[in-house]
């Protein structure tokens, strides 16, 4: 069983050493940047875009008599012009929609790619007690790219799992819309069953990815693993230490609630400045570093091969070496 009390105390001491002994504003901002990038992989950013096409009411223009003479008819001209503009408007809306969709998709890909790089940058800065950007960005490129593609694969697999459930719910709802009535009897039970299946799968997948992010990525950092073997190593840890993992998840949930309350207080105290990207990360950096140190200290208790504080990759010359104990 993980000694969580020791992990809490050790993480507090490490956070003080990294950020306050001594305090270095430049180092603080550099670690804050790596923490901000790392958070892009954890934020679950979503984008909802809706399009409302303009409708043209041409009822008054459609009521015109047939033209018997070759003279110019202003009503016919206006009607044809409005139809042309309406058709052009639909084409423009479709084109703009496709462009926005492509832009949002590319932005999501970029966010996940940066987030994967940021995870290793943040770990490197914490473990080596420094504020480096370019060296960890380049050195852990292989592991970061593997993590990025692993997350994309996980998103695809999640869609494969959830789309049939959504399709079944739509298939059951279509007759209700056609008959304009509420579900009854077995139909309600069917919707409840689908909702429970969706909820259970969502919770299981969320827990698995949370444990992988907290423990699997440090394993990639410590042992030089790629994402797939690190994922299986993390699942092995869950099987070997289910009690410790359950308590760890509960503690992290409690910490998350505390951080959310603290963030709300800081938001009010700073007139919402804390909500600004990167600025909020810099303000909350002691909390973020503490949480990461807590996770790393918990992981280190599983054995020497899980202890990231003894990482054997030497930092470049002139950098502060890693410390093994607070």
C-alpha atoms as a PDB file:
ATOM      1  CA  UNK A   1       0.000   0.000   0.000  1.00  0.00           C
ATOM      2  CA  UNK A   2       1.288   3.450  -0.881  1.00  0.00           C
ATOM      3  CA  UNK A   3       2.271   5.584   2.097  1.00  0.00           C
ATOM      4  CA  UNK A   4       0.258   8.628   1.051  1.00  0.00           C
ATOM      5  CA  UNK A   5       1.238  10.652   4.137  1.00  0.00           C
ATOM      6  CA  UNK A   6       4.886  10.357   3.185  1.00  0.00           C
ATOM      7  CA  UNK A   7       4.049  11.284  -0.414  1.00  0.00           C
ATOM      8  CA  UNK A   8       2.159  14.389   0.731  1.00  0.00           C
ATOM      9  CA  UNK A   9       5.032  15.558   2.939  1.00  0.00           C
ATOM     10  CA  UNK A  10       7.698  14.785   0.355  1.00  0.00           C
ATOM     11  CA  UNK A  11       5.785  16.549  -2.431  1.00  0.00           C
ATOM     12  CA  UNK A  12       5.408  19.667  -0.275  1.00  0.00           C
ATOM     13  CA  UNK A  13       9.157  19.780   0.393  1.00  0.00           C
ATOM     14  CA  UNK A  14      10.041  19.192  -3.259  1.00  0.00           C
ATOM     15  CA  UNK A  15       7.681  21.948  -4.393  1.00  0.00           C
ATOM     16  CA  UNK A  16       9.420  24.400  -2.041  1.00  0.00           C
ATOM     17  CA  UNK A  17      12.850  23.355  -3.297  1.00  0.00           C
ATOM     18  CA  UNK A  18      11.866  23.693  -6.962  1.00  0.00           C
ATOM     19  CA  UNK A  19      10.042  27.032  -6.783  1.00  0.00           C
ATOM     20  CA  UNK A  20      11.232  28.893  -3.678  1.00  0.00           C
ATOM     21  CA  UNK A  21      14.749  27.754  -2.774  1.00  0.00           C
ATOM     22  CA  UNK A  22      15.800  30.065  -4.261  1.00  0.00           C
ATOM     23  CA  UNK A  23      13.007  31.917  -6.028  1.00  0.00           C
ATOM     24  CA  UNK A  24      13.820  32.617  -9.670  1.00  0.00           C
ATOM     25  CA  UNK A  25      11.190  34.456 -11.702  1.00  0.00           C
ATOM     26  CA  UNK A  26      12.611  33.368 -15.067  1.00  0.00           C
ATOM     27  CA  UNK A  27      12.682  29.740 -13.973  1.00  0.00           C
ATOM     28  CA  UNK A  28       9.148  30.076 -12.593  1.00  0.00           C
ATOM     29  CA  UNK A  29       7.847  31.363 -15.950  1.00  0.00           C
ATOM     30  CA  UNK A  30       9.659  28.618 -17.883  1.00  0.00           C
ATOM     31  CA  UNK A  31       8.212  25.881 -15.672  1.00  0.00           C
ATOM     32  CA  UNK A  32       4.849  27.623 -15.984  1.00  0.00           C
ATOM     33  CA  UNK A  33       5.071  27.404 -19.777  1.00  0.00           C
ATOM     34  CA  UNK A  34       5.816  23.685 -19.643  1.00  0.00           C
ATOM     35  CA  UNK A  35       2.941  23.192 -17.183  1.00  0.00           C
ATOM     36  CA  UNK A  36       0.615  25.143 -19.481  1.00  0.00           C
ATOM     37  CA  UNK A  37       1.566  22.972 -22.461  1.00  0.00           C
ATOM     38  CA  UNK A  38       1.197  19.813 -20.379  1.00  0.00           C
ATOM     39  CA  UNK A  39      -2.296  20.926 -19.379  1.00  0.00           C
ATOM     40  CA  UNK A  40      -3.384  20.984 -23.031  1.00  0.00           C
ATOM     41  CA  UNK A  41      -3.400  17.184 -22.948  1.00  0.00           C
ATOM     42  CA  UNK A  42      -5.509  17.160 -19.792  1.00  0.00           C
ATOM     43  CA  UNK A  43      -8.048  19.907 -20.443  1.00  0.00           C
ATOM     44  CA  UNK A  44     -10.456  17.998 -22.715  1.00  0.00           C
ATOM     45  CA  UNK A  45     -10.994  21.021 -24.887  1.00  0.00           C
ATOM     46  CA  UNK A  46     -14.082  20.776 -26.959  1.00  0.00           C
ATOM     47  CA  UNK A  47     -15.436  22.893 -29.694  1.00  0.00           C
ATOM     48  CA  UNK A  48     -19.090  23.270 -30.582  1.00  0.00           C
ATOM     49  CA  UNK A  49     -19.891  25.104 -33.762  1.00  0.00           C
ATOM     50  CA  UNK A  50     -23.383  25.721 -35.027  1.00  0.00           C
ATOM     51  CA  UNK A  51     -24.494  27.351 -38.216  1.00  0.00           C
ATOM     52  CA  UNK A  52     -27.750  29.135 -38.784  1.00  0.00           C
ATOM     53  CA  UNK A  53     -28.514  29.687 -42.445  1.00  0.00           C
ATOM     54  CA  UNK A  54     -30.478  32.779 -43.411  1.00  0.00           C
ATOM     55  CA  UNK A  55     -33.854  32.071 -44.918  1.00  0.00           C
ATOM     56  CA  UNK A  56     -35.307  34.351 -47.510  1.00  0.00           C
ATOM     57  CA  UNK A  57     -39.024  35.053 -47.532  1.00  0.00           C
ATOM     58  CA  UNK A  58     -39.909  35.781 -51.082  1.00  0.00           C
ATOM     59  CA  UNK A  59     -43.617  35.201 -50.895  1.00  0.00           C
ATOM     60  CA  UNK A  60     -44.473  38.630 -52.180  1.00  0.00           C
ATOM     61  CA  UNK A  61     -42.047  38.258 -55.049  1.00  0.00           C
ATOM     62  CA  UNK A  62     -43.255  34.808 -56.126  1.00  0.00           C
ATOM     63  CA  UNK A  63     -46.719  36.093 -56.886  1.00  0.00           C
ATOM     64  CA  UNK A  64     -46.322  37.467 -60.352  1.00  0.00           C
ATOM     65  CA  UNK A  65     -48.257  36.941 -63.530  1.00  0.00           C
ATOM     66  CA  UNK A  66     -46.849  35.281 -66.638  1.00  0.00           C
ATOM     67  CA  UNK A  67     -45.073  37.643 -68.993  1.00  0.00           C
ATOM     68  CA  UNK A  68     -46.789  37.992 -72.331  1.00  0.00           C
ATOM     69  CA  UNK A  69     -44.523  40.634 -73.808  1.00  0.00           C
ATOM     70  CA  UNK A  70     -40.779  40.807 -74.194  1.00  0.00           C
ATOM     71  CA  UNK A  71     -40.620  43.909 -72.057  1.00  0.00           C
ATOM     72  CA  UNK A  72     -38.516  43.887 -68.904  1.00  0.00           C
ATOM     73  CA  UNK A  73     -40.377  42.583 -65.813  1.00  0.00           C
ATOM     74  CA  UNK A  74     -38.955  43.895 -62.568  1.00  0.00           C
ATOM     75  CA  UNK A  75     -40.776  41.233 -60.479  1.00  0.00           C
ATOM     76  CA  UNK A  76     -39.313  38.372 -62.494  1.00  0.00           C
ATOM     77  CA  UNK A  77     -35.839  39.895 -62.305  1.00  0.00           C
ATOM     78  CA  UNK A  78     -36.029  40.309 -58.512  1.00  0.00           C
ATOM     79  CA  UNK A  79     -37.332  36.767 -58.037  1.00  0.00           C
ATOM     80  CA  UNK A  80     -34.573  35.225 -60.153  1.00  0.00           C
ATOM     81  CA  UNK A  81     -31.978  37.372 -58.447  1.00  0.00           C
ATOM     82  CA  UNK A  82     -33.173  36.334 -54.980  1.00  0.00           C
ATOM     83  CA  UNK A  83     -33.142  32.654 -55.980  1.00  0.00           C
ATOM     84  CA  UNK A  84     -29.569  33.042 -57.246  1.00  0.00           C
ATOM     85  CA  UNK A  85     -28.480  34.809 -54.071  1.00  0.00           C
ATOM     86  CA  UNK A  86     -30.207  32.144 -51.931  1.00  0.00           C
ATOM     87  CA  UNK A  87     -28.411  29.349 -53.775  1.00  0.00           C
ATOM     88  CA  UNK A  88     -25.112  31.198 -53.472  1.00  0.00           C
ATOM     89  CA  UNK A  89     -25.764  31.742 -49.751  1.00  0.00           C
ATOM     90  CA  UNK A  90     -26.201  28.000 -49.149  1.00  0.00           C
ATOM     91  CA  UNK A  91     -22.980  27.265 -51.020  1.00  0.00           C
ATOM     92  CA  UNK A  92     -21.120  29.909 -49.044  1.00  0.00           C
ATOM     93  CA  UNK A  93     -22.460  28.562 -45.744  1.00  0.00           C
ATOM     94  CA  UNK A  94     -21.423  25.005 -46.661  1.00  0.00           C
ATOM     95  CA  UNK A  95     -17.964  26.205 -47.710  1.00  0.00           C
ATOM     96  CA  UNK A  96     -17.476  28.276 -44.554  1.00  0.00           C
ATOM     97  CA  UNK A  97     -18.692  25.335 -42.466  1.00  0.00           C
ATOM     98  CA  UNK A  98     -16.139  23.004 -44.052  1.00  0.00           C
ATOM     99  CA  UNK A  99     -13.362  25.557 -43.559  1.00  0.00           C
ATOM    100  CA  UNK A 100     -14.272  26.040 -39.891  1.00  0.00           C
ATOM    101  CA  UNK A 101     -14.491  22.280 -39.348  1.00  0.00           C
ATOM    102  CA  UNK A 102     -11.045  21.784 -40.909  1.00  0.00           C
ATOM    103  CA  UNK A 103      -9.624  24.629 -38.820  1.00  0.00           C
ATOM    104  CA  UNK A 104     -11.087  23.258 -35.568  1.00  0.00           C
ATOM    105  CA  UNK A 105      -9.880  19.740 -36.366  1.00  0.00           C
ATOM    106  CA  UNK A 106      -6.374  21.036 -37.100  1.00  0.00           C
ATOM    107  CA  UNK A 107      -6.459  23.093 -33.884  1.00  0.00           C
ATOM    108  CA  UNK A 108      -7.421  20.025 -31.825  1.00  0.00           C
ATOM    109  CA  UNK A 109      -4.566  18.053 -33.390  1.00  0.00           C
ATOM    110  CA  UNK A 110      -2.153  20.902 -32.618  1.00  0.00           C
ATOM    111  CA  UNK A 111      -3.369  21.137 -29.013  1.00  0.00           C
ATOM    112  CA  UNK A 112      -2.822  17.413 -28.416  1.00  0.00           C
ATOM    113  CA  UNK A 113       0.598  17.516 -30.081  1.00  0.00           C
ATOM    114  CA  UNK A 114       1.728  20.434 -27.943  1.00  0.00           C
ATOM    115  CA  UNK A 115       0.231  18.794 -24.871  1.00  0.00           C
ATOM    116  CA  UNK A 116       2.231  15.613 -25.466  1.00  0.00           C
ATOM    117  CA  UNK A 117       5.458  17.615 -25.717  1.00  0.00           C
ATOM    118  CA  UNK A 118       4.510  19.643 -22.658  1.00  0.00           C
ATOM    119  CA  UNK A 119       4.037  16.548 -20.499  1.00  0.00           C
ATOM    120  CA  UNK A 120       7.692  15.593 -20.860  1.00  0.00           C
ATOM    121  CA  UNK A 121       8.915  19.180 -20.573  1.00  0.00           C
ATOM    122  CA  UNK A 122       7.050  19.592 -17.293  1.00  0.00           C
ATOM    123  CA  UNK A 123       8.381  16.293 -15.931  1.00  0.00           C
ATOM    124  CA  UNK A 124      11.932  17.185 -16.930  1.00  0.00           C
ATOM    125  CA  UNK A 125      11.773  20.591 -15.250  1.00  0.00           C
ATOM    126  CA  UNK A 126      10.404  19.118 -12.038  1.00  0.00           C
ATOM    127  CA  UNK A 127      12.739  16.135 -11.813  1.00  0.00           C
ATOM    128  CA  UNK A 128      15.844  18.144 -12.744  1.00  0.00           C
ATOM    129  CA  UNK A 129      14.790  21.237 -10.796  1.00  0.00           C
ATOM    130  CA  UNK A 130      15.239  23.721 -13.612  1.00  0.00           C
ATOM    131  CA  UNK A 131      13.374  25.810 -16.147  1.00  0.00           C
ATOM    132  CA  UNK A 132      14.390  24.372 -19.523  1.00  0.00           C
ATOM    133  CA  UNK A 133      12.377  24.529 -22.731  1.00  0.00           C
ATOM    134  CA  UNK A 134      14.348  23.565 -25.846  1.00  0.00           C
ATOM    135  CA  UNK A 135      16.350  20.620 -24.458  1.00  0.00           C
ATOM    136  CA  UNK A 136      13.403  18.541 -23.165  1.00  0.00           C
ATOM    137  CA  UNK A 137      11.360  19.610 -26.207  1.00  0.00           C
ATOM    138  CA  UNK A 138      13.913  17.969 -28.508  1.00  0.00           C
ATOM    139  CA  UNK A 139      15.206  15.162 -26.309  1.00  0.00           C
ATOM    140  CA  UNK A 140      11.812  13.563 -25.580  1.00  0.00           C
ATOM    141  CA  UNK A 141      10.467  14.033 -29.102  1.00  0.00           C
ATOM    142  CA  UNK A 142      10.197  10.275 -29.731  1.00  0.00           C
ATOM    143  CA  UNK A 143       8.194   9.554 -26.588  1.00  0.00           C
ATOM    144  CA  UNK A 144       6.041  12.658 -27.068  1.00  0.00           C
ATOM    145  CA  UNK A 145       5.119  11.687 -30.633  1.00  0.00           C
ATOM    146  CA  UNK A 146       4.277   8.192 -29.468  1.00  0.00           C
ATOM    147  CA  UNK A 147       2.050   9.646 -26.738  1.00  0.00           C
ATOM    148  CA  UNK A 148       0.367  11.951 -29.257  1.00  0.00           C
ATOM    149  CA  UNK A 149      -0.534   9.119 -31.633  1.00  0.00           C
ATOM    150  CA  UNK A 150      -1.652   6.975 -28.702  1.00  0.00           C
ATOM    151  CA  UNK A 151      -4.131   9.669 -27.663  1.00  0.00           C
ATOM    152  CA  UNK A 152      -5.439   9.962 -31.217  1.00  0.00           C
ATOM    153  CA  UNK A 153      -5.908   6.177 -31.321  1.00  0.00           C
ATOM    154  CA  UNK A 154      -7.720   6.295 -27.997  1.00  0.00           C
ATOM    155  CA  UNK A 155     -10.091   8.969 -29.341  1.00  0.00           C
ATOM    156  CA  UNK A 156     -10.867   6.816 -32.389  1.00  0.00           C
ATOM    157  CA  UNK A 157     -11.483   3.743 -30.226  1.00  0.00           C
ATOM    158  CA  UNK A 158     -13.739   5.788 -27.945  1.00  0.00           C
ATOM    159  CA  UNK A 159     -15.818   6.833 -30.951  1.00  0.00           C
ATOM    160  CA  UNK A 160     -16.055   3.190 -32.028  1.00  0.00           C
ATOM    161  CA  UNK A 161     -17.358   2.311 -28.558  1.00  0.00           C
ATOM    162  CA  UNK A 162     -19.793   5.192 -28.083  1.00  0.00           C
ATOM    163  CA  UNK A 163     -21.203   5.720 -31.575  1.00  0.00           C
ATOM    164  CA  UNK A 164     -23.196   2.427 -31.540  1.00  0.00           C
ATOM    165  CA  UNK A 165     -24.753   3.472 -28.229  1.00  0.00           C
ATOM    166  CA  UNK A 166     -25.652   6.871 -29.661  1.00  0.00           C
ATOM    167  CA  UNK A 167     -26.982   5.208 -32.821  1.00  0.00           C
ATOM    168  CA  UNK A 168     -29.177   2.862 -30.787  1.00  0.00           C
ATOM    169  CA  UNK A 169     -30.572   5.800 -28.806  1.00  0.00           C
ATOM    170  CA  UNK A 170     -31.373   7.698 -32.027  1.00  0.00           C
ATOM    171  CA  UNK A 171     -32.971   4.593 -33.554  1.00  0.00           C
ATOM    172  CA  UNK A 172     -35.209   4.249 -30.476  1.00  0.00           C
ATOM    173  CA  UNK A 173     -36.046   7.968 -30.463  1.00  0.00           C
ATOM    174  CA  UNK A 174     -37.078   8.293 -34.124  1.00  0.00           C
ATOM    175  CA  UNK A 175     -40.522   6.603 -33.687  1.00  0.00           C
ATOM    176  CA  UNK A 176     -41.171   8.803 -30.647  1.00  0.00           C
ATOM    177  CA  UNK A 177     -40.558  11.951 -32.690  1.00  0.00           C
ATOM    178  CA  UNK A 178     -42.687  10.656 -35.524  1.00  0.00           C
ATOM    179  CA  UNK A 179     -45.555   9.824 -33.173  1.00  0.00           C
ATOM    180  CA  UNK A 180     -44.962  12.970 -31.097  1.00  0.00           C
ATOM    181  CA  UNK A 181     -45.099  11.198 -27.754  1.00  0.00           C
ATOM    182  CA  UNK A 182     -42.998  10.482 -24.699  1.00  0.00           C
ATOM    183  CA  UNK A 183     -41.389   7.037 -24.135  1.00  0.00           C
ATOM    184  CA  UNK A 184     -43.393   4.509 -22.175  1.00  0.00           C
ATOM    185  CA  UNK A 185     -42.714   1.291 -20.282  1.00  0.00           C
ATOM    186  CA  UNK A 186     -39.975  -0.723 -21.929  1.00  0.00           C
ATOM    187  CA  UNK A 187     -38.865   2.256 -23.980  1.00  0.00           C
ATOM    188  CA  UNK A 188     -37.929   4.124 -20.802  1.00  0.00           C
ATOM    189  CA  UNK A 189     -36.062   1.064 -19.584  1.00  0.00           C
ATOM    190  CA  UNK A 190     -34.187   0.894 -22.886  1.00  0.00           C
ATOM    191  CA  UNK A 191     -33.075   4.522 -22.640  1.00  0.00           C
ATOM    192  CA  UNK A 192     -32.026   4.021 -19.003  1.00  0.00           C
ATOM    193  CA  UNK A 193     -30.031   0.917 -19.946  1.00  0.00           C
ATOM    194  CA  UNK A 194     -28.251   2.767 -22.749  1.00  0.00           C
ATOM    195  CA  UNK A 195     -27.522   5.674 -20.414  1.00  0.00           C
ATOM    196  CA  UNK A 196     -26.069   3.366 -17.761  1.00  0.00           C
ATOM    197  CA  UNK A 197     -23.923   1.543 -20.322  1.00  0.00           C
ATOM    198  CA  UNK A 198     -22.646   4.873 -21.619  1.00  0.00           C
ATOM    199  CA  UNK A 199     -21.932   6.142 -18.093  1.00  0.00           C
ATOM    200  CA  UNK A 200     -20.090   2.983 -17.007  1.00  0.00           C
ATOM    201  CA  UNK A 201     -17.953   2.894 -20.147  1.00  0.00           C
ATOM    202  CA  UNK A 202     -17.202   6.614 -19.883  1.00  0.00           C
ATOM    203  CA  UNK A 203     -16.110   6.282 -16.237  1.00  0.00           C
ATOM    204  CA  UNK A 204     -13.967   3.202 -16.940  1.00  0.00           C
ATOM    205  CA  UNK A 205     -12.220   4.805 -19.905  1.00  0.00           C
ATOM    206  CA  UNK A 206     -11.719   8.073 -18.009  1.00  0.00           C
ATOM    207  CA  UNK A 207     -10.158   6.245 -15.030  1.00  0.00           C
ATOM    208  CA  UNK A 208      -7.884   4.174 -17.282  1.00  0.00           C
ATOM    209  CA  UNK A 209      -6.626   7.232 -19.132  1.00  0.00           C
ATOM    210  CA  UNK A 210      -6.220   9.171 -15.885  1.00  0.00           C
ATOM    211  CA  UNK A 211      -4.039   6.436 -14.378  1.00  0.00           C
ATOM    212  CA  UNK A 212      -2.070   6.168 -17.605  1.00  0.00           C
ATOM    213  CA  UNK A 213      -1.494   9.926 -17.713  1.00  0.00           C
ATOM    214  CA  UNK A 214      -0.437  10.057 -14.065  1.00  0.00           C
ATOM    215  CA  UNK A 215       1.759   6.939 -13.990  1.00  0.00           C
ATOM    216  CA  UNK A 216       2.285   5.798 -17.589  1.00  0.00           C
ATOM    217  CA  UNK A 217       3.789   9.050 -18.867  1.00  0.00           C
ATOM    218  CA  UNK A 218       6.325   9.181 -15.988  1.00  0.00           C
ATOM    219  CA  UNK A 219       7.220   5.573 -16.884  1.00  0.00           C
ATOM    220  CA  UNK A 220       7.860   6.699 -20.459  1.00  0.00           C
ATOM    221  CA  UNK A 221      10.041   9.466 -19.044  1.00  0.00           C
ATOM    222  CA  UNK A 222      11.893   7.232 -16.560  1.00  0.00           C
ATOM    223  CA  UNK A 223      12.387   4.088 -18.637  1.00  0.00           C
ATOM    224  CA  UNK A 224      12.403   5.516 -22.173  1.00  0.00           C
ATOM    225  CA  UNK A 225       9.276   3.558 -23.121  1.00  0.00           C
ATOM    226  CA  UNK A 226       6.869   4.327 -25.914  1.00  0.00           C
ATOM    227  CA  UNK A 227       3.186   4.773 -25.212  1.00  0.00           C
ATOM    228  CA  UNK A 228       1.946   1.226 -25.867  1.00  0.00           C
ATOM    229  CA  UNK A 229       4.353  -0.643 -23.536  1.00  0.00           C
ATOM    230  CA  UNK A 230       3.928   2.107 -20.952  1.00  0.00           C
ATOM    231  CA  UNK A 231       0.156   1.654 -21.141  1.00  0.00           C
ATOM    232  CA  UNK A 232       0.436  -2.099 -20.532  1.00  0.00           C
ATOM    233  CA  UNK A 233       2.859  -1.491 -17.663  1.00  0.00           C
ATOM    234  CA  UNK A 234       0.318   0.900 -16.135  1.00  0.00           C
ATOM    235  CA  UNK A 235      -2.482  -1.650 -16.494  1.00  0.00           C
ATOM    236  CA  UNK A 236      -0.230  -4.174 -14.760  1.00  0.00           C
ATOM    237  CA  UNK A 237       0.191  -1.771 -11.851  1.00  0.00           C
ATOM    238  CA  UNK A 238      -3.594  -1.418 -11.595  1.00  0.00           C
ATOM    239  CA  UNK A 239      -3.926  -5.204 -11.420  1.00  0.00           C
ATOM    240  CA  UNK A 240      -1.185  -5.570  -8.804  1.00  0.00           C
ATOM    241  CA  UNK A 241      -2.196  -2.660  -6.558  1.00  0.00           C
ATOM    242  CA  UNK A 242      -5.952  -2.053  -6.994  1.00  0.00           C
ATOM    243  CA  UNK A 243      -6.371  -0.738  -3.443  1.00  0.00           C
ATOM    244  CA  UNK A 244      -3.598   1.826  -3.768  1.00  0.00           C
ATOM    245  CA  UNK A 245      -4.928   2.929  -7.148  1.00  0.00           C
ATOM    246  CA  UNK A 246      -8.448   3.362  -5.780  1.00  0.00           C
ATOM    247  CA  UNK A 247      -7.240   5.471  -2.851  1.00  0.00           C
ATOM    248  CA  UNK A 248      -4.997   7.482  -5.174  1.00  0.00           C
ATOM    249  CA  UNK A 249      -7.947   8.303  -7.456  1.00  0.00           C
ATOM    250  CA  UNK A 250     -10.079   9.379  -4.489  1.00  0.00           C
ATOM    251  CA  UNK A 251      -7.290  11.593  -3.129  1.00  0.00           C
ATOM    252  CA  UNK A 252      -6.736  13.200  -6.522  1.00  0.00           C
ATOM    253  CA  UNK A 253     -10.469  13.864  -6.787  1.00  0.00           C
ATOM    254  CA  UNK A 254     -10.350  15.600  -3.402  1.00  0.00           C
ATOM    255  CA  UNK A 255      -7.305  17.615  -4.503  1.00  0.00           C
ATOM    256  CA  UNK A 256      -9.111  18.539  -7.708  1.00  0.00           C
ATOM    257  CA  UNK A 257     -12.053  19.904  -5.733  1.00  0.00           C
ATOM    258  CA  UNK A 258      -9.690  21.903  -3.536  1.00  0.00           C
ATOM    259  CA  UNK A 259      -7.871  23.299  -6.584  1.00  0.00           C
ATOM    260  CA  UNK A 260     -11.191  24.250  -8.183  1.00  0.00           C
ATOM    261  CA  UNK A 261     -12.213  26.167  -5.046  1.00  0.00           C
ATOM    262  CA  UNK A 262      -8.810  27.850  -4.859  1.00  0.00           C
ATOM    263  CA  UNK A 263      -9.009  28.766  -8.536  1.00  0.00           C
ATOM    264  CA  UNK A 264     -12.438  30.316  -7.989  1.00  0.00           C
ATOM    265  CA  UNK A 265     -11.128  32.374  -5.060  1.00  0.00           C
ATOM    266  CA  UNK A 266      -8.122  33.555  -7.076  1.00  0.00           C
ATOM    267  CA  UNK A 267     -10.390  34.370 -10.001  1.00  0.00           C
ATOM    268  CA  UNK A 268     -12.446  36.677  -7.813  1.00  0.00           C
ATOM    269  CA  UNK A 269      -9.354  38.161  -6.158  1.00  0.00           C
ATOM    270  CA  UNK A 270      -7.590  38.893  -9.447  1.00  0.00           C
ATOM    271  CA  UNK A 271     -10.656  40.142 -11.354  1.00  0.00           C
ATOM    272  CA  UNK A 272     -10.687  37.061 -13.611  1.00  0.00           C
ATOM    273  CA  UNK A 273      -7.021  37.507 -14.601  1.00  0.00           C
ATOM    274  CA  UNK A 274      -6.465  33.961 -13.338  1.00  0.00           C
ATOM    275  CA  UNK A 275      -8.671  32.676 -16.169  1.00  0.00           C
ATOM    276  CA  UNK A 276      -6.291  33.938 -18.854  1.00  0.00           C
ATOM    277  CA  UNK A 277      -4.314  31.196 -20.634  1.00  0.00           C
ATOM    278  CA  UNK A 278      -0.779  30.731 -19.271  1.00  0.00           C
ATOM    279  CA  UNK A 279      -1.262  33.537 -16.721  1.00  0.00           C
ATOM    280  CA  UNK A 280      -3.547  31.311 -14.679  1.00  0.00           C
ATOM    281  CA  UNK A 281      -1.037  28.461 -14.931  1.00  0.00           C
ATOM    282  CA  UNK A 282       1.772  30.690 -13.658  1.00  0.00           C
ATOM    283  CA  UNK A 283      -0.384  31.817 -10.730  1.00  0.00           C
ATOM    284  CA  UNK A 284      -1.338  28.245  -9.812  1.00  0.00           C
ATOM    285  CA  UNK A 285       2.136  26.825 -10.482  1.00  0.00           C
ATOM    286  CA  UNK A 286       2.880  25.828  -6.836  1.00  0.00           C
ATOM    287  CA  UNK A 287      -0.314  23.746  -6.805  1.00  0.00           C
ATOM    288  CA  UNK A 288       0.481  22.131 -10.162  1.00  0.00           C
ATOM    289  CA  UNK A 289       4.056  21.310  -9.169  1.00  0.00           C
ATOM    290  CA  UNK A 290       2.870  19.923  -5.846  1.00  0.00           C
ATOM    291  CA  UNK A 291       0.313  17.656  -7.513  1.00  0.00           C
ATOM    292  CA  UNK A 292       2.887  16.324  -9.967  1.00  0.00           C
ATOM    293  CA  UNK A 293       5.446  15.731  -7.219  1.00  0.00           C
ATOM    294  CA  UNK A 294       2.801  13.906  -5.184  1.00  0.00           C
ATOM    295  CA  UNK A 295       2.095  11.570  -8.099  1.00  0.00           C
ATOM    296  CA  UNK A 296       5.783  10.946  -8.739  1.00  0.00           C
ATOM    297  CA  UNK A 297       6.421  10.188  -5.058  1.00  0.00           C
ATOM    298  CA  UNK A 298       3.516   7.741  -5.024  1.00  0.00           C
ATOM    299  CA  UNK A 299       4.854   6.028  -8.157  1.00  0.00           C
ATOM    300  CA  UNK A 300       8.375   5.798  -6.701  1.00  0.00           C
ATOM    301  CA  UNK A 301       7.073   3.624  -3.838  1.00  0.00           C
ATOM    302  CA  UNK A 302       6.333   0.767  -6.276  1.00  0.00           C
ATOM    303  CA  UNK A 303      10.061   0.087  -6.720  1.00  0.00           C
ATOM    304  CA  UNK A 304      13.377   1.533  -7.898  1.00  0.00           C
ATOM    305  CA  UNK A 305      12.460   1.112 -11.567  1.00  0.00           C
ATOM    306  CA  UNK A 306       9.497   3.462 -11.015  1.00  0.00           C
ATOM    307  CA  UNK A 307      11.499   6.168  -9.236  1.00  0.00           C
ATOM    308  CA  UNK A 308      11.755   9.088 -11.666  1.00  0.00           C
ATOM    309  CA  UNK A 309      13.866  11.060  -9.182  1.00  0.00           C
ATOM    310  CA  UNK A 310      16.791   8.777 -10.056  1.00  0.00           C
ATOM    311  CA  UNK A 311      16.461   9.244 -13.813  1.00  0.00           C
ATOM    312  CA  UNK A 312      19.812   8.333 -15.336  1.00  0.00           C
ATOM    313  CA  UNK A 313      19.846  10.679 -18.347  1.00  0.00           C
ATOM    314  CA  UNK A 314      22.381  13.412 -17.556  1.00  0.00           C
ATOM    315  CA  UNK A 315      21.234  16.979 -18.068  1.00  0.00           C
ATOM    316  CA  UNK A 316      23.280  19.287 -20.290  1.00  0.00           C
ATOM    317  CA  UNK A 317      26.249  21.083 -18.735  1.00  0.00           C
ATOM    318  CA  UNK A 318      25.565  23.827 -16.282  1.00  0.00           C
ATOM    319  CA  UNK A 319      22.095  22.565 -15.342  1.00  0.00           C
ATOM    320  CA  UNK A 320      21.087  21.661 -11.806  1.00  0.00           C
ATOM    321  CA  UNK A 321      21.263  17.835 -11.405  1.00  0.00           C
ATOM    322  CA  UNK A 322      18.254  15.851 -10.199  1.00  0.00           C
ATOM    323  CA  UNK A 323      17.785  15.413  -6.486  1.00  0.00           C
ATOM    324  CA  UNK A 324      16.837  12.046  -5.024  1.00  0.00           C
ATOM    325  CA  UNK A 325      15.356  13.153  -1.750  1.00  0.00           C
ATOM    326  CA  UNK A 326      13.745  16.326  -0.477  1.00  0.00           C
END
